[in-house]
N, C-alpha and C. Protein backbone atom coordinates (compact mmCIF):
# COMPACT_ATOMS: atom_id res chain seq x y z
N UNK A 1 13.48 -1.88 -0.12
CA UNK A 1 14.77 -2.10 0.48
C UNK A 1 15.47 -0.77 0.64
N UNK A 2 16.32 -0.67 1.62
CA UNK A 2 17.03 0.55 1.95
C UNK A 2 18.00 0.92 0.83
N UNK A 3 18.13 2.20 0.57
CA UNK A 3 19.01 2.66 -0.50
C UNK A 3 20.11 3.58 0.01
N UNK A 4 20.43 3.52 1.29
CA UNK A 4 21.47 4.38 1.83
C UNK A 4 22.81 3.67 1.75
N UNK A 5 23.81 4.22 2.42
CA UNK A 5 25.16 3.71 2.39
C UNK A 5 25.23 2.23 2.76
N UNK A 6 26.02 1.43 2.02
CA UNK A 6 26.15 0.02 2.34
C UNK A 6 27.01 -0.23 3.57
N UNK A 7 27.55 0.83 4.16
CA UNK A 7 28.44 0.66 5.30
C UNK A 7 27.71 0.64 6.64
N UNK A 8 26.43 0.92 6.65
CA UNK A 8 25.66 0.87 7.90
C UNK A 8 24.33 0.22 7.57
N UNK A 9 24.34 -1.11 7.51
CA UNK A 9 23.15 -1.85 7.16
C UNK A 9 22.22 -1.96 8.37
N UNK A 10 20.91 -1.93 8.08
CA UNK A 10 19.92 -1.93 9.15
C UNK A 10 19.12 -3.22 9.15
N UNK A 11 19.02 -3.81 10.34
CA UNK A 11 18.27 -5.04 10.56
C UNK A 11 17.08 -4.71 11.45
N UNK A 12 15.89 -5.17 11.07
CA UNK A 12 14.73 -5.12 11.95
C UNK A 12 14.61 -6.51 12.55
N UNK A 13 14.86 -6.60 13.85
CA UNK A 13 14.89 -7.85 14.58
C UNK A 13 13.63 -7.99 15.41
N UNK A 14 12.89 -9.09 15.19
CA UNK A 14 11.60 -9.29 15.85
C UNK A 14 11.58 -10.65 16.55
N UNK A 15 11.42 -10.61 17.88
CA UNK A 15 11.32 -11.83 18.65
C UNK A 15 10.69 -11.49 19.99
N UNK A 16 9.80 -12.33 20.46
CA UNK A 16 9.14 -12.06 21.74
C UNK A 16 9.99 -12.47 22.94
N UNK A 17 11.08 -13.18 22.71
CA UNK A 17 11.99 -13.55 23.78
C UNK A 17 13.07 -12.48 23.94
N UNK A 18 12.98 -11.71 25.03
CA UNK A 18 13.91 -10.60 25.25
C UNK A 18 15.37 -11.05 25.24
N UNK A 19 15.65 -12.16 25.90
CA UNK A 19 17.05 -12.60 25.99
C UNK A 19 17.61 -12.99 24.62
N UNK A 20 16.81 -13.63 23.80
CA UNK A 20 17.28 -13.98 22.46
C UNK A 20 17.46 -12.73 21.61
N UNK A 21 16.52 -11.80 21.73
CA UNK A 21 16.61 -10.56 20.98
C UNK A 21 17.89 -9.80 21.36
N UNK A 22 18.19 -9.73 22.66
CA UNK A 22 19.42 -9.05 23.11
C UNK A 22 20.66 -9.77 22.58
N UNK A 23 20.64 -11.10 22.61
CA UNK A 23 21.76 -11.90 22.11
C UNK A 23 22.04 -11.60 20.64
N UNK A 24 21.01 -11.68 19.81
CA UNK A 24 21.18 -11.45 18.36
C UNK A 24 21.56 -9.98 18.10
N UNK A 25 20.94 -9.08 18.82
CA UNK A 25 21.25 -7.65 18.67
C UNK A 25 22.73 -7.39 18.97
N UNK A 26 23.24 -7.98 20.03
CA UNK A 26 24.64 -7.81 20.39
C UNK A 26 25.56 -8.35 19.30
N UNK A 27 25.25 -9.51 18.78
CA UNK A 27 26.05 -10.11 17.70
C UNK A 27 26.10 -9.18 16.50
N UNK A 28 24.93 -8.71 16.08
CA UNK A 28 24.86 -7.87 14.89
C UNK A 28 25.52 -6.51 15.10
N UNK A 29 25.30 -5.90 16.25
CA UNK A 29 25.90 -4.59 16.52
C UNK A 29 27.42 -4.66 16.57
N UNK A 30 27.96 -5.74 17.13
CA UNK A 30 29.42 -5.91 17.18
C UNK A 30 30.03 -5.93 15.78
N UNK A 31 29.23 -6.37 14.83
CA UNK A 31 29.70 -6.44 13.44
C UNK A 31 29.35 -5.18 12.65
N UNK A 32 28.78 -4.18 13.32
CA UNK A 32 28.54 -2.90 12.67
C UNK A 32 27.15 -2.69 12.10
N UNK A 33 26.25 -3.62 12.32
CA UNK A 33 24.88 -3.45 11.84
C UNK A 33 24.11 -2.54 12.79
N UNK A 34 23.22 -1.74 12.24
CA UNK A 34 22.27 -0.99 13.04
C UNK A 34 21.09 -1.94 13.27
N UNK A 35 20.62 -2.04 14.51
CA UNK A 35 19.55 -2.98 14.81
C UNK A 35 18.36 -2.24 15.41
N UNK A 36 17.21 -2.38 14.75
CA UNK A 36 15.94 -1.93 15.28
C UNK A 36 15.27 -3.18 15.81
N UNK A 37 14.49 -3.05 16.87
CA UNK A 37 13.89 -4.27 17.42
C UNK A 37 12.45 -4.08 17.83
N UNK A 38 11.74 -5.19 17.79
CA UNK A 38 10.34 -5.24 18.20
C UNK A 38 10.09 -6.58 18.87
N UNK A 39 9.14 -6.58 19.81
CA UNK A 39 8.83 -7.78 20.57
C UNK A 39 7.76 -8.65 19.95
N UNK A 40 7.11 -8.15 18.90
CA UNK A 40 6.10 -8.97 18.22
C UNK A 40 5.84 -8.41 16.83
N UNK A 41 5.05 -9.15 16.06
CA UNK A 41 4.78 -8.77 14.68
C UNK A 41 3.99 -7.49 14.53
N UNK A 42 3.07 -7.23 15.46
CA UNK A 42 2.26 -6.01 15.38
C UNK A 42 3.14 -4.77 15.50
N UNK A 43 4.00 -4.77 16.51
CA UNK A 43 4.90 -3.63 16.70
C UNK A 43 5.89 -3.51 15.54
N UNK A 44 6.38 -4.64 15.05
CA UNK A 44 7.33 -4.62 13.93
C UNK A 44 6.69 -4.07 12.66
N UNK A 45 5.47 -4.48 12.38
CA UNK A 45 4.80 -3.99 11.18
C UNK A 45 4.53 -2.50 11.28
N UNK A 46 4.13 -2.03 12.45
CA UNK A 46 3.93 -0.59 12.65
C UNK A 46 5.23 0.17 12.44
N UNK A 47 6.32 -0.36 12.97
CA UNK A 47 7.63 0.28 12.80
C UNK A 47 8.05 0.27 11.34
N UNK A 48 7.86 -0.83 10.68
CA UNK A 48 8.23 -0.95 9.27
C UNK A 48 7.47 0.05 8.41
N UNK A 49 6.19 0.20 8.70
CA UNK A 49 5.39 1.18 7.95
C UNK A 49 5.81 2.61 8.28
N UNK A 50 6.11 2.86 9.54
CA UNK A 50 6.52 4.21 9.96
C UNK A 50 7.82 4.64 9.30
N UNK A 51 8.73 3.71 9.12
CA UNK A 51 10.02 4.06 8.50
C UNK A 51 10.02 3.72 7.01
N UNK A 52 8.86 3.43 6.48
CA UNK A 52 8.65 3.19 5.05
C UNK A 52 9.52 2.06 4.50
N UNK A 53 9.72 1.03 5.33
CA UNK A 53 10.45 -0.14 4.87
C UNK A 53 11.94 0.04 4.72
N UNK A 54 12.48 1.11 5.26
CA UNK A 54 13.90 1.40 5.05
C UNK A 54 14.80 0.58 5.97
N UNK A 55 14.70 -0.72 5.83
CA UNK A 55 15.62 -1.65 6.48
C UNK A 55 16.20 -2.56 5.41
N UNK A 56 17.34 -3.12 5.72
CA UNK A 56 18.00 -3.98 4.74
C UNK A 56 17.55 -5.44 4.83
N UNK A 57 17.09 -5.83 6.02
CA UNK A 57 16.61 -7.20 6.22
C UNK A 57 15.70 -7.26 7.44
N UNK A 58 14.71 -8.12 7.35
CA UNK A 58 13.81 -8.41 8.46
C UNK A 58 14.19 -9.78 9.01
N UNK A 59 14.55 -9.83 10.29
CA UNK A 59 14.87 -11.08 10.97
C UNK A 59 13.78 -11.31 11.99
N UNK A 60 13.02 -12.39 11.85
CA UNK A 60 11.86 -12.59 12.71
C UNK A 60 11.70 -14.02 13.19
N UNK A 61 11.25 -14.12 14.44
CA UNK A 61 10.82 -15.40 14.98
C UNK A 61 9.54 -15.80 14.25
N UNK A 62 9.17 -17.06 14.36
CA UNK A 62 7.95 -17.53 13.71
C UNK A 62 6.77 -17.45 14.65
N UNK A 63 6.90 -18.00 15.84
CA UNK A 63 5.79 -18.04 16.80
C UNK A 63 5.92 -16.88 17.79
N UNK A 64 4.95 -15.96 17.73
CA UNK A 64 4.92 -14.82 18.63
C UNK A 64 3.47 -14.48 18.93
N UNK A 65 3.22 -13.81 20.06
CA UNK A 65 1.84 -13.40 20.37
C UNK A 65 1.40 -12.26 19.44
N UNK A 66 0.12 -12.06 19.37
CA UNK A 66 -0.54 -10.99 18.60
C UNK A 66 -0.43 -11.15 17.10
N UNK A 67 0.74 -11.42 16.56
CA UNK A 67 0.93 -11.63 15.13
C UNK A 67 2.15 -12.52 14.94
N UNK A 68 1.98 -13.61 14.25
CA UNK A 68 3.11 -14.52 14.02
C UNK A 68 4.10 -13.91 13.03
N UNK A 69 5.27 -14.50 12.98
CA UNK A 69 6.26 -14.06 12.01
C UNK A 69 5.78 -14.29 10.58
N UNK A 70 5.05 -15.36 10.37
CA UNK A 70 4.53 -15.65 9.03
C UNK A 70 3.53 -14.56 8.60
N UNK A 71 2.66 -14.16 9.52
CA UNK A 71 1.70 -13.08 9.22
C UNK A 71 2.43 -11.76 9.00
N UNK A 72 3.46 -11.51 9.81
CA UNK A 72 4.26 -10.30 9.65
C UNK A 72 4.91 -10.25 8.27
N UNK A 73 5.53 -11.35 7.89
CA UNK A 73 6.22 -11.38 6.59
C UNK A 73 5.24 -11.21 5.45
N UNK A 74 4.09 -11.83 5.54
CA UNK A 74 3.08 -11.67 4.48
C UNK A 74 2.69 -10.20 4.32
N UNK A 75 2.44 -9.52 5.44
CA UNK A 75 2.07 -8.10 5.39
C UNK A 75 3.24 -7.25 4.92
N UNK A 76 4.43 -7.54 5.41
CA UNK A 76 5.61 -6.76 5.02
C UNK A 76 5.93 -6.94 3.54
N UNK A 77 5.84 -8.16 3.06
CA UNK A 77 6.15 -8.43 1.64
C UNK A 77 5.11 -7.83 0.71
N UNK A 78 3.87 -7.67 1.19
CA UNK A 78 2.87 -7.04 0.31
C UNK A 78 3.20 -5.57 0.10
N UNK A 79 3.78 -4.94 1.10
CA UNK A 79 4.16 -3.52 0.98
C UNK A 79 5.58 -3.35 0.43
N UNK A 80 6.47 -4.27 0.79
CA UNK A 80 7.89 -4.18 0.42
C UNK A 80 8.36 -5.52 -0.12
N UNK A 81 7.98 -5.87 -1.35
CA UNK A 81 8.22 -7.22 -1.88
C UNK A 81 9.68 -7.64 -1.97
N UNK A 82 10.59 -6.71 -2.08
CA UNK A 82 12.01 -7.04 -2.21
C UNK A 82 12.73 -7.15 -0.88
N UNK A 83 12.03 -6.94 0.23
CA UNK A 83 12.64 -6.99 1.54
C UNK A 83 13.12 -8.41 1.86
N UNK A 84 14.43 -8.59 2.09
CA UNK A 84 14.90 -9.92 2.48
C UNK A 84 14.41 -10.27 3.88
N UNK A 85 14.12 -11.55 4.08
CA UNK A 85 13.59 -12.03 5.36
C UNK A 85 14.40 -13.23 5.81
N UNK A 86 14.77 -13.23 7.09
CA UNK A 86 15.38 -14.39 7.71
C UNK A 86 14.51 -14.79 8.88
N UNK A 87 13.87 -15.96 8.73
CA UNK A 87 13.10 -16.52 9.84
C UNK A 87 14.07 -17.19 10.79
N UNK A 88 13.82 -17.05 12.11
CA UNK A 88 14.55 -17.79 13.11
C UNK A 88 13.52 -18.49 13.99
N UNK A 89 13.72 -19.78 14.22
CA UNK A 89 12.73 -20.52 15.00
C UNK A 89 13.35 -21.76 15.63
N UNK A 90 12.78 -22.16 16.75
CA UNK A 90 13.17 -23.40 17.39
C UNK A 90 12.52 -24.60 16.74
N UNK A 91 11.52 -24.37 15.95
CA UNK A 91 10.85 -25.45 15.24
C UNK A 91 11.52 -25.63 13.88
N UNK A 92 11.59 -26.85 13.43
CA UNK A 92 12.20 -27.10 12.13
C UNK A 92 11.17 -26.83 11.04
N UNK A 93 11.31 -25.69 10.40
CA UNK A 93 10.36 -25.26 9.38
C UNK A 93 11.06 -24.87 8.07
N UNK A 94 12.30 -25.30 7.89
CA UNK A 94 13.06 -24.87 6.73
C UNK A 94 12.33 -25.15 5.42
N UNK A 95 11.78 -26.35 5.27
CA UNK A 95 11.11 -26.69 4.01
C UNK A 95 9.93 -25.77 3.73
N UNK A 96 9.20 -25.39 4.78
CA UNK A 96 8.01 -24.57 4.60
C UNK A 96 8.34 -23.09 4.39
N UNK A 97 9.45 -22.64 4.99
CA UNK A 97 9.71 -21.20 5.01
C UNK A 97 10.86 -20.74 4.13
N UNK A 98 11.76 -21.63 3.74
CA UNK A 98 12.91 -21.24 2.93
C UNK A 98 12.47 -21.04 1.48
N UNK A 99 12.68 -19.83 0.95
CA UNK A 99 12.25 -19.51 -0.41
C UNK A 99 13.20 -18.48 -1.01
N UNK A 100 14.37 -18.93 -1.50
CA UNK A 100 15.36 -18.00 -2.03
C UNK A 100 14.85 -17.11 -3.16
N UNK A 101 13.92 -17.64 -3.95
CA UNK A 101 13.36 -16.86 -5.06
C UNK A 101 12.69 -15.58 -4.56
N UNK A 102 12.13 -15.62 -3.36
CA UNK A 102 11.45 -14.45 -2.79
C UNK A 102 12.23 -13.83 -1.63
N UNK A 103 13.55 -14.10 -1.60
CA UNK A 103 14.45 -13.51 -0.60
C UNK A 103 14.04 -13.89 0.82
N UNK A 104 13.74 -15.17 1.03
CA UNK A 104 13.33 -15.65 2.35
C UNK A 104 14.20 -16.86 2.71
N UNK A 105 14.79 -16.81 3.92
CA UNK A 105 15.62 -17.91 4.40
C UNK A 105 15.20 -18.29 5.82
N UNK A 106 15.75 -19.39 6.31
CA UNK A 106 15.38 -19.92 7.61
C UNK A 106 16.64 -20.33 8.37
N UNK A 107 16.68 -19.98 9.68
CA UNK A 107 17.77 -20.39 10.55
C UNK A 107 17.18 -21.05 11.79
N UNK A 108 17.61 -22.26 12.05
CA UNK A 108 17.11 -23.05 13.18
C UNK A 108 17.73 -22.56 14.49
N UNK A 109 16.89 -22.34 15.53
CA UNK A 109 17.38 -22.07 16.88
C UNK A 109 17.66 -23.40 17.54
N UNK A 110 18.62 -23.51 18.41
CA UNK A 110 19.62 -22.51 18.75
C UNK A 110 20.68 -22.44 17.65
N UNK A 111 21.34 -21.32 17.56
CA UNK A 111 22.38 -21.15 16.56
C UNK A 111 23.58 -20.45 17.18
N UNK A 112 24.71 -20.64 16.55
CA UNK A 112 25.94 -19.98 16.98
C UNK A 112 25.97 -18.55 16.43
N UNK A 113 26.68 -17.66 17.09
CA UNK A 113 26.76 -16.27 16.61
C UNK A 113 27.15 -16.16 15.14
N UNK A 114 28.14 -16.94 14.72
CA UNK A 114 28.58 -16.86 13.33
C UNK A 114 27.49 -17.27 12.35
N UNK A 115 26.65 -18.20 12.75
CA UNK A 115 25.58 -18.67 11.86
C UNK A 115 24.59 -17.56 11.55
N UNK A 116 24.23 -16.76 12.55
CA UNK A 116 23.29 -15.68 12.29
C UNK A 116 23.95 -14.59 11.45
N UNK A 117 25.22 -14.31 11.69
CA UNK A 117 25.94 -13.33 10.86
C UNK A 117 26.01 -13.79 9.41
N UNK A 118 26.38 -15.04 9.22
CA UNK A 118 26.46 -15.58 7.86
C UNK A 118 25.12 -15.54 7.16
N UNK A 119 24.06 -15.90 7.87
CA UNK A 119 22.72 -15.91 7.27
C UNK A 119 22.28 -14.51 6.88
N UNK A 120 22.51 -13.54 7.73
CA UNK A 120 22.13 -12.15 7.43
C UNK A 120 22.93 -11.64 6.24
N UNK A 121 24.22 -11.87 6.25
CA UNK A 121 25.07 -11.40 5.14
C UNK A 121 24.69 -12.06 3.82
N UNK A 122 24.35 -13.33 3.88
CA UNK A 122 23.95 -14.05 2.67
C UNK A 122 22.67 -13.46 2.05
N UNK A 123 21.80 -12.95 2.89
CA UNK A 123 20.50 -12.43 2.40
C UNK A 123 20.61 -11.02 1.83
N UNK A 124 21.68 -10.29 2.16
CA UNK A 124 21.82 -8.92 1.70
C UNK A 124 22.95 -8.88 0.67
N UNK A 125 22.64 -8.65 -0.60
CA UNK A 125 23.68 -8.61 -1.63
C UNK A 125 24.75 -7.57 -1.29
N UNK A 126 26.01 -7.99 -1.34
CA UNK A 126 27.12 -7.08 -1.08
C UNK A 126 27.20 -6.59 0.35
N UNK A 127 26.64 -7.35 1.28
CA UNK A 127 26.58 -6.91 2.67
C UNK A 127 27.94 -6.86 3.32
N UNK A 128 28.28 -5.68 3.78
CA UNK A 128 29.43 -5.49 4.65
C UNK A 128 29.01 -4.48 5.70
N UNK A 129 29.12 -4.85 6.92
CA UNK A 129 28.75 -3.94 7.99
C UNK A 129 29.88 -2.96 8.24
N UNK A 130 29.56 -1.86 8.89
CA UNK A 130 30.55 -0.84 9.19
C UNK A 130 31.55 -1.37 10.21
N UNK A 131 32.84 -1.37 9.87
CA UNK A 131 33.82 -1.88 10.82
C UNK A 131 33.96 -0.93 12.01
N UNK A 132 34.13 -1.52 13.18
CA UNK A 132 34.41 -0.75 14.36
C UNK A 132 33.27 0.12 14.86
N UNK A 133 32.05 -0.17 14.45
CA UNK A 133 30.92 0.65 14.89
C UNK A 133 30.34 0.05 16.14
């Protein structure tokens, strides 16, 4: 998990749907989060390894080409076990994917902007994004 200033939290956002990725990115950036993005699990895992896991939370779709969100999380958690994860999916998978003990939560698509903000903040202890960024 990232150990820098709590005033600029970083989200790695992974979704193969460009429009959804832009939507969530806009929501998070308006609240002061720094957002890194990837279109699939393969690119996200490469990015995560390149930056040595220095993100505060991984937000990922479940169904994506090349590597699913579940495969991404398994690989990411093996390298960075404390990394909080928020799955986002149009399929109802809360029972299968929600695991607070391992810092994993689930948000059903479609969702309102406030729901994604609340879910991200809930997953990051003491989360406050930089105001006015």
